[in-house]
PDB file of N, CA and C in Angstrom:
ATOM      1  N   UNK A   1      51.195  61.973-115.329  1.00  0.00           N
ATOM      2  CA  UNK A   1      50.692  62.403-116.611  1.00  0.00           C
ATOM      3  C   UNK A   1      51.886  62.707-117.512  1.00  0.00           C
ATOM      4  N   UNK A   2      51.703  62.498-118.783  1.00  0.00           N
ATOM      5  CA  UNK A   2      52.786  62.671-119.741  1.00  0.00           C
ATOM      6  C   UNK A   2      52.747  64.065-120.382  1.00  0.00           C
ATOM      7  N   UNK A   3      53.887  64.745-120.364  1.00  0.00           N
ATOM      8  CA  UNK A   3      54.078  66.039-121.012  1.00  0.00           C
ATOM      9  C   UNK A   3      55.202  65.893-122.014  1.00  0.00           C
ATOM     10  N   UNK A   4      55.321  66.857-122.924  1.00  0.00           N
ATOM     11  CA  UNK A   4      56.410  66.855-123.889  1.00  0.00           C
ATOM     12  C   UNK A   4      57.303  68.055-123.629  1.00  0.00           C
ATOM     13  N   UNK A   5      58.594  67.804-123.413  1.00  0.00           N
ATOM     14  CA  UNK A   5      59.568  68.868-123.211  1.00  0.00           C
ATOM     15  C   UNK A   5      60.151  69.251-124.569  1.00  0.00           C
ATOM     16  N   UNK A   6      59.829  70.436-125.030  1.00  0.00           N
ATOM     17  CA  UNK A   6      60.329  70.909-126.324  1.00  0.00           C
ATOM     18  C   UNK A   6      61.841  71.122-126.241  1.00  0.00           C
ATOM     19  N   UNK A   7      62.306  71.637-125.119  1.00  0.00           N
ATOM     20  CA  UNK A   7      63.730  71.903-124.942  1.00  0.00           C
ATOM     21  C   UNK A   7      64.566  70.623-125.038  1.00  0.00           C
ATOM     22  N   UNK A   8      64.064  69.538-124.452  1.00  0.00           N
ATOM     23  CA  UNK A   8      64.802  68.284-124.428  1.00  0.00           C
ATOM     24  C   UNK A   8      64.342  67.301-125.516  1.00  0.00           C
ATOM     25  N   UNK A   9      63.296  67.655-126.229  1.00  0.00           N
ATOM     26  CA  UNK A   9      62.748  66.850-127.321  1.00  0.00           C
ATOM     27  C   UNK A   9      62.428  65.418-126.905  1.00  0.00           C
ATOM     28  N   UNK A  10      61.712  65.313-125.771  1.00  0.00           N
ATOM     29  CA  UNK A  10      61.285  63.989-125.336  1.00  0.00           C
ATOM     30  C   UNK A  10      60.071  64.104-124.421  1.00  0.00           C
ATOM     31  N   UNK A  11      59.356  62.986-124.285  1.00  0.00           N
ATOM     32  CA  UNK A  11      58.206  62.925-123.399  1.00  0.00           C
ATOM     33  C   UNK A  11      58.691  62.710-121.977  1.00  0.00           C
ATOM     34  N   UNK A  12      58.003  63.361-121.033  1.00  0.00           N
ATOM     35  CA  UNK A  12      58.393  63.326-119.628  1.00  0.00           C
ATOM     36  C   UNK A  12      57.174  62.966-118.791  1.00  0.00           C
ATOM     37  N   UNK A  13      57.337  62.058-117.854  1.00  0.00           N
ATOM     38  CA  UNK A  13      56.264  61.695-116.933  1.00  0.00           C
ATOM     39  C   UNK A  13      56.327  62.640-115.732  1.00  0.00           C
ATOM     40  N   UNK A  14      55.178  63.257-115.380  1.00  0.00           N
ATOM     41  CA  UNK A  14      55.117  64.248-114.306  1.00  0.00           C
ATOM     42  C   UNK A  14      54.092  63.800-113.271  1.00  0.00           C
ATOM     43  N   UNK A  15      54.437  63.921-111.976  1.00  0.00           N
ATOM     44  CA  UNK A  15      53.494  63.598-110.904  1.00  0.00           C
ATOM     45  C   UNK A  15      52.345  64.591-110.897  1.00  0.00           C
ATOM     46  N   UNK A  16      51.168  64.121-110.483  1.00  0.00           N
ATOM     47  CA  UNK A  16      49.993  64.992-110.432  1.00  0.00           C
ATOM     48  C   UNK A  16      50.178  66.129-109.436  1.00  0.00           C
ATOM     49  N   UNK A  17      51.021  65.939-108.426  1.00  0.00           N
ATOM     50  CA  UNK A  17      51.248  66.980-107.421  1.00  0.00           C
ATOM     51  C   UNK A  17      52.018  68.175-107.996  1.00  0.00           C
ATOM     52  N   UNK A  18      52.722  67.991-109.122  1.00  0.00           N
ATOM     53  CA  UNK A  18      53.493  69.070-109.748  1.00  0.00           C
ATOM     54  C   UNK A  18      52.708  69.793-110.840  1.00  0.00           C
ATOM     55  N   UNK A  19      51.418  69.470-110.984  1.00  0.00           N
ATOM     56  CA  UNK A  19      50.600  70.032-112.061  1.00  0.00           C
ATOM     57  C   UNK A  19      49.632  71.060-111.490  1.00  0.00           C
ATOM     58  N   UNK A  20      49.545  72.217-112.145  1.00  0.00           N
ATOM     59  CA  UNK A  20      48.536  73.217-111.793  1.00  0.00           C
ATOM     60  C   UNK A  20      47.601  73.415-112.983  1.00  0.00           C
ATOM     61  N   UNK A  21      46.380  73.848-112.694  1.00  0.00           N
ATOM     62  CA  UNK A  21      45.350  73.986-113.725  1.00  0.00           C
ATOM     63  C   UNK A  21      45.074  75.456-114.016  1.00  0.00           C
ATOM     64  N   UNK A  22      44.814  75.757-115.288  1.00  0.00           N
ATOM     65  CA  UNK A  22      44.448  77.118-115.688  1.00  0.00           C
ATOM     66  C   UNK A  22      43.381  77.067-116.765  1.00  0.00           C
ATOM     67  N   UNK A  23      42.484  78.055-116.749  1.00  0.00           N
ATOM     68  CA  UNK A  23      41.474  78.201-117.788  1.00  0.00           C
ATOM     69  C   UNK A  23      41.676  79.565-118.431  1.00  0.00           C
ATOM     70  N   UNK A  24      41.772  79.587-119.751  1.00  0.00           N
ATOM     71  CA  UNK A  24      41.946  80.832-120.485  1.00  0.00           C
ATOM     72  C   UNK A  24      40.680  81.051-121.306  1.00  0.00           C
ATOM     73  N   UNK A  25      40.096  82.234-121.162  1.00  0.00           N
ATOM     74  CA  UNK A  25      38.888  82.567-121.919  1.00  0.00           C
ATOM     75  C   UNK A  25      39.203  83.686-122.897  1.00  0.00           C
ATOM     76  N   UNK A  26      38.585  83.599-124.069  1.00  0.00           N
ATOM     77  CA  UNK A  26      38.731  84.680-125.033  1.00  0.00           C
ATOM     78  C   UNK A  26      37.414  84.827-125.781  1.00  0.00           C
ATOM     79  N   UNK A  27      37.186  86.018-126.324  1.00  0.00           N
ATOM     80  CA  UNK A  27      35.991  86.297-127.109  1.00  0.00           C
ATOM     81  C   UNK A  27      36.347  86.203-128.581  1.00  0.00           C
ATOM     82  N   UNK A  28      35.591  85.414-129.317  1.00  0.00           N
ATOM     83  CA  UNK A  28      35.853  85.240-130.745  1.00  0.00           C
ATOM     84  C   UNK A  28      35.246  86.401-131.531  1.00  0.00           C
ATOM     85  N   UNK A  29      35.480  86.412-132.840  1.00  0.00           N
ATOM     86  CA  UNK A  29      34.963  87.488-133.691  1.00  0.00           C
ATOM     87  C   UNK A  29      33.453  87.607-133.623  1.00  0.00           C
ATOM     88  N   UNK A  30      32.777  86.450-133.552  1.00  0.00           N
ATOM     89  CA  UNK A  30      31.310  86.488-133.540  1.00  0.00           C
ATOM     90  C   UNK A  30      30.733  86.775-132.156  1.00  0.00           C
ATOM     91  N   UNK A  31      31.579  86.992-131.141  1.00  0.00           N
ATOM     92  CA  UNK A  31      31.112  87.395-129.826  1.00  0.00           C
ATOM     93  C   UNK A  31      30.959  86.251-128.834  1.00  0.00           C
ATOM     94  N   UNK A  32      31.149  85.027-129.251  1.00  0.00           N
ATOM     95  CA  UNK A  32      31.028  83.903-128.314  1.00  0.00           C
ATOM     96  C   UNK A  32      32.328  83.771-127.507  1.00  0.00           C
ATOM     97  N   UNK A  33      32.203  83.166-126.336  1.00  0.00           N
ATOM     98  CA  UNK A  33      33.358  82.993-125.461  1.00  0.00           C
ATOM     99  C   UNK A  33      33.903  81.583-125.629  1.00  0.00           C
ATOM    100  N   UNK A  34      35.212  81.498-125.847  1.00  0.00           N
ATOM    101  CA  UNK A  34      35.884  80.211-126.016  1.00  0.00           C
ATOM    102  C   UNK A  34      36.757  79.963-124.790  1.00  0.00           C
ATOM    103  N   UNK A  35      36.655  78.763-124.215  1.00  0.00           N
ATOM    104  CA  UNK A  35      37.477  78.398-123.067  1.00  0.00           C
ATOM    105  C   UNK A  35      38.506  77.367-123.499  1.00  0.00           C
ATOM    106  N   UNK A  36      39.754  77.557-123.065  1.00  0.00           N
ATOM    107  CA  UNK A  36      40.837  76.601-123.302  1.00  0.00           C
ATOM    108  C   UNK A  36      41.302  76.101-121.936  1.00  0.00           C
ATOM    109  N   UNK A  37      41.460  74.810-121.796  1.00  0.00           N
ATOM    110  CA  UNK A  37      41.856  74.199-120.530  1.00  0.00           C
ATOM    111  C   UNK A  37      43.320  73.782-120.621  1.00  0.00           C
ATOM    112  N   UNK A  38      44.140  74.282-119.686  1.00  0.00           N
ATOM    113  CA  UNK A  38      45.577  74.031-119.712  1.00  0.00           C
ATOM    114  C   UNK A  38      46.022  73.372-118.417  1.00  0.00           C
ATOM    115  N   UNK A  39      47.013  72.498-118.542  1.00  0.00           N
ATOM    116  CA  UNK A  39      47.708  71.949-117.390  1.00  0.00           C
ATOM    117  C   UNK A  39      49.146  72.436-117.500  1.00  0.00           C
ATOM    118  N   UNK A  40      49.670  72.992-116.416  1.00  0.00           N
ATOM    119  CA  UNK A  40      51.032  73.512-116.398  1.00  0.00           C
ATOM    120  C   UNK A  40      51.826  72.712-115.377  1.00  0.00           C
ATOM    121  N   UNK A  41      52.947  72.154-115.820  1.00  0.00           N
ATOM    122  CA  UNK A  41      53.799  71.361-114.939  1.00  0.00           C
ATOM    123  C   UNK A  41      55.166  72.010-114.824  1.00  0.00           C
ATOM    124  N   UNK A  42      55.689  72.000-113.599  1.00  0.00           N
ATOM    125  CA  UNK A  42      57.036  72.512-113.377  1.00  0.00           C
ATOM    126  C   UNK A  42      57.838  71.371-112.749  1.00  0.00           C
ATOM    127  N   UNK A  43      58.858  70.900-113.450  1.00  0.00           N
ATOM    128  CA  UNK A  43      59.622  69.742-113.001  1.00  0.00           C
ATOM    129  C   UNK A  43      61.069  69.861-113.458  1.00  0.00           C
ATOM    130  N   UNK A  44      61.869  68.890-113.084  1.00  0.00           N
ATOM    131  CA  UNK A  44      63.278  68.861-113.480  1.00  0.00           C
ATOM    132  C   UNK A  44      63.487  67.764-114.515  1.00  0.00           C
ATOM    133  N   UNK A  45      64.096  68.127-115.650  1.00  0.00           N
ATOM    134  CA  UNK A  45      64.398  67.175-116.718  1.00  0.00           C
ATOM    135  C   UNK A  45      65.894  67.263-117.005  1.00  0.00           C
ATOM    136  N   UNK A  46      66.581  66.163-116.842  1.00  0.00           N
ATOM    137  CA  UNK A  46      68.031  66.108-117.075  1.00  0.00           C
ATOM    138  C   UNK A  46      68.782  67.218-116.342  1.00  0.00           C
ATOM    139  N   UNK A  47      68.346  67.531-115.105  1.00  0.00           N
ATOM    140  CA  UNK A  47      69.014  68.541-114.294  1.00  0.00           C
ATOM    141  C   UNK A  47      68.562  69.970-114.539  1.00  0.00           C
ATOM    142  N   UNK A  48      67.686  70.202-115.531  1.00  0.00           N
ATOM    143  CA  UNK A  48      67.174  71.543-115.833  1.00  0.00           C
ATOM    144  C   UNK A  48      65.765  71.695-115.284  1.00  0.00           C
ATOM    145  N   UNK A  49      65.477  72.852-114.673  1.00  0.00           N
ATOM    146  CA  UNK A  49      64.124  73.163-114.225  1.00  0.00           C
ATOM    147  C   UNK A  49      63.326  73.587-115.455  1.00  0.00           C
ATOM    148  N   UNK A  50      62.218  72.878-115.734  1.00  0.00           N
ATOM    149  CA  UNK A  50      61.465  73.104-116.960  1.00  0.00           C
ATOM    150  C   UNK A  50      59.988  73.341-116.626  1.00  0.00           C
ATOM    151  N   UNK A  51      59.375  74.274-117.350  1.00  0.00           N
ATOM    152  CA  UNK A  51      57.951  74.544-117.229  1.00  0.00           C
ATOM    153  C   UNK A  51      57.298  74.098-118.528  1.00  0.00           C
ATOM    154  N   UNK A  52      56.302  73.206-118.443  1.00  0.00           N
ATOM    155  CA  UNK A  52      55.652  72.659-119.633  1.00  0.00           C
ATOM    156  C   UNK A  52      54.152  72.898-119.564  1.00  0.00           C
ATOM    157  N   UNK A  53      53.540  73.091-120.720  1.00  0.00           N
ATOM    158  CA  UNK A  53      52.112  73.335-120.825  1.00  0.00           C
ATOM    159  C   UNK A  53      51.481  72.286-121.720  1.00  0.00           C
ATOM    160  N   UNK A  54      50.277  71.854-121.336  1.00  0.00           N
ATOM    161  CA  UNK A  54      49.544  70.869-122.126  1.00  0.00           C
ATOM    162  C   UNK A  54      48.081  71.301-122.186  1.00  0.00           C
ATOM    163  N   UNK A  55      47.535  71.404-123.391  1.00  0.00           N
ATOM    164  CA  UNK A  55      46.125  71.723-123.559  1.00  0.00           C
ATOM    165  C   UNK A  55      45.342  70.417-123.540  1.00  0.00           C
ATOM    166  N   UNK A  56      44.258  70.379-122.756  1.00  0.00           N
ATOM    167  CA  UNK A  56      43.459  69.165-122.612  1.00  0.00           C
ATOM    168  C   UNK A  56      41.977  69.504-122.761  1.00  0.00           C
ATOM    169  N   UNK A  57      41.150  68.471-122.883  1.00  0.00           N
ATOM    170  CA  UNK A  57      39.704  68.700-122.940  1.00  0.00           C
ATOM    171  C   UNK A  57      39.160  68.887-121.518  1.00  0.00           C
ATOM    172  N   UNK A  58      37.910  69.288-121.417  1.00  0.00           N
ATOM    173  CA  UNK A  58      37.328  69.618-120.124  1.00  0.00           C
ATOM    174  C   UNK A  58      37.217  68.393-119.217  1.00  0.00           C
ATOM    175  N   UNK A  59      36.932  67.220-119.769  1.00  0.00           N
ATOM    176  CA  UNK A  59      36.811  66.007-118.966  1.00  0.00           C
ATOM    177  C   UNK A  59      38.133  65.660-118.284  1.00  0.00           C
ATOM    178  N   UNK A  60      39.231  65.749-119.017  1.00  0.00           N
ATOM    179  CA  UNK A  60      40.556  65.491-118.446  1.00  0.00           C
ATOM    180  C   UNK A  60      40.894  66.550-117.411  1.00  0.00           C
ATOM    181  N   UNK A  61      40.573  67.798-117.712  1.00  0.00           N
ATOM    182  CA  UNK A  61      40.823  68.922-116.817  1.00  0.00           C
ATOM    183  C   UNK A  61      40.108  68.720-115.480  1.00  0.00           C
ATOM    184  N   UNK A  62      38.825  68.319-115.541  1.00  0.00           N
ATOM    185  CA  UNK A  62      38.041  68.120-114.329  1.00  0.00           C
ATOM    186  C   UNK A  62      38.505  66.899-113.524  1.00  0.00           C
ATOM    187  N   UNK A  63      39.166  65.952-114.178  1.00  0.00           N
ATOM    188  CA  UNK A  63      39.642  64.752-113.501  1.00  0.00           C
ATOM    189  C   UNK A  63      40.918  64.958-112.707  1.00  0.00           C
ATOM    190  N   UNK A  64      41.608  66.063-112.915  1.00  0.00           N
ATOM    191  CA  UNK A  64      42.840  66.358-112.181  1.00  0.00           C
ATOM    192  C   UNK A  64      42.510  67.097-110.895  1.00  0.00           C
ATOM    193  N   UNK A  65      43.104  66.651-109.784  1.00  0.00           N
ATOM    194  CA  UNK A  65      42.878  67.317-108.491  1.00  0.00           C
ATOM    195  C   UNK A  65      43.647  68.624-108.451  1.00  0.00           C
ATOM    196  N   UNK A  66      43.091  69.597-107.721  1.00  0.00           N
ATOM    197  CA  UNK A  66      43.767  70.901-107.549  1.00  0.00           C
ATOM    198  C   UNK A  66      44.912  70.796-106.600  1.00  0.00           C
TER     199      UNK A  66
END
């Protein structure tokens, strides 16, 4: 899967085995609950250990293995 490294200013290809999934929930002003689906990758880019985050839709989130 492709992530963007802000530190290195380039796109990086990451193996699915290095990706973890997270769901963040928050309550909006009107009281409804909003869910955000995140993929977090930890990999090495140009010799630096980098942690990258990517927000995705629920279909993409469900398609990634734990």
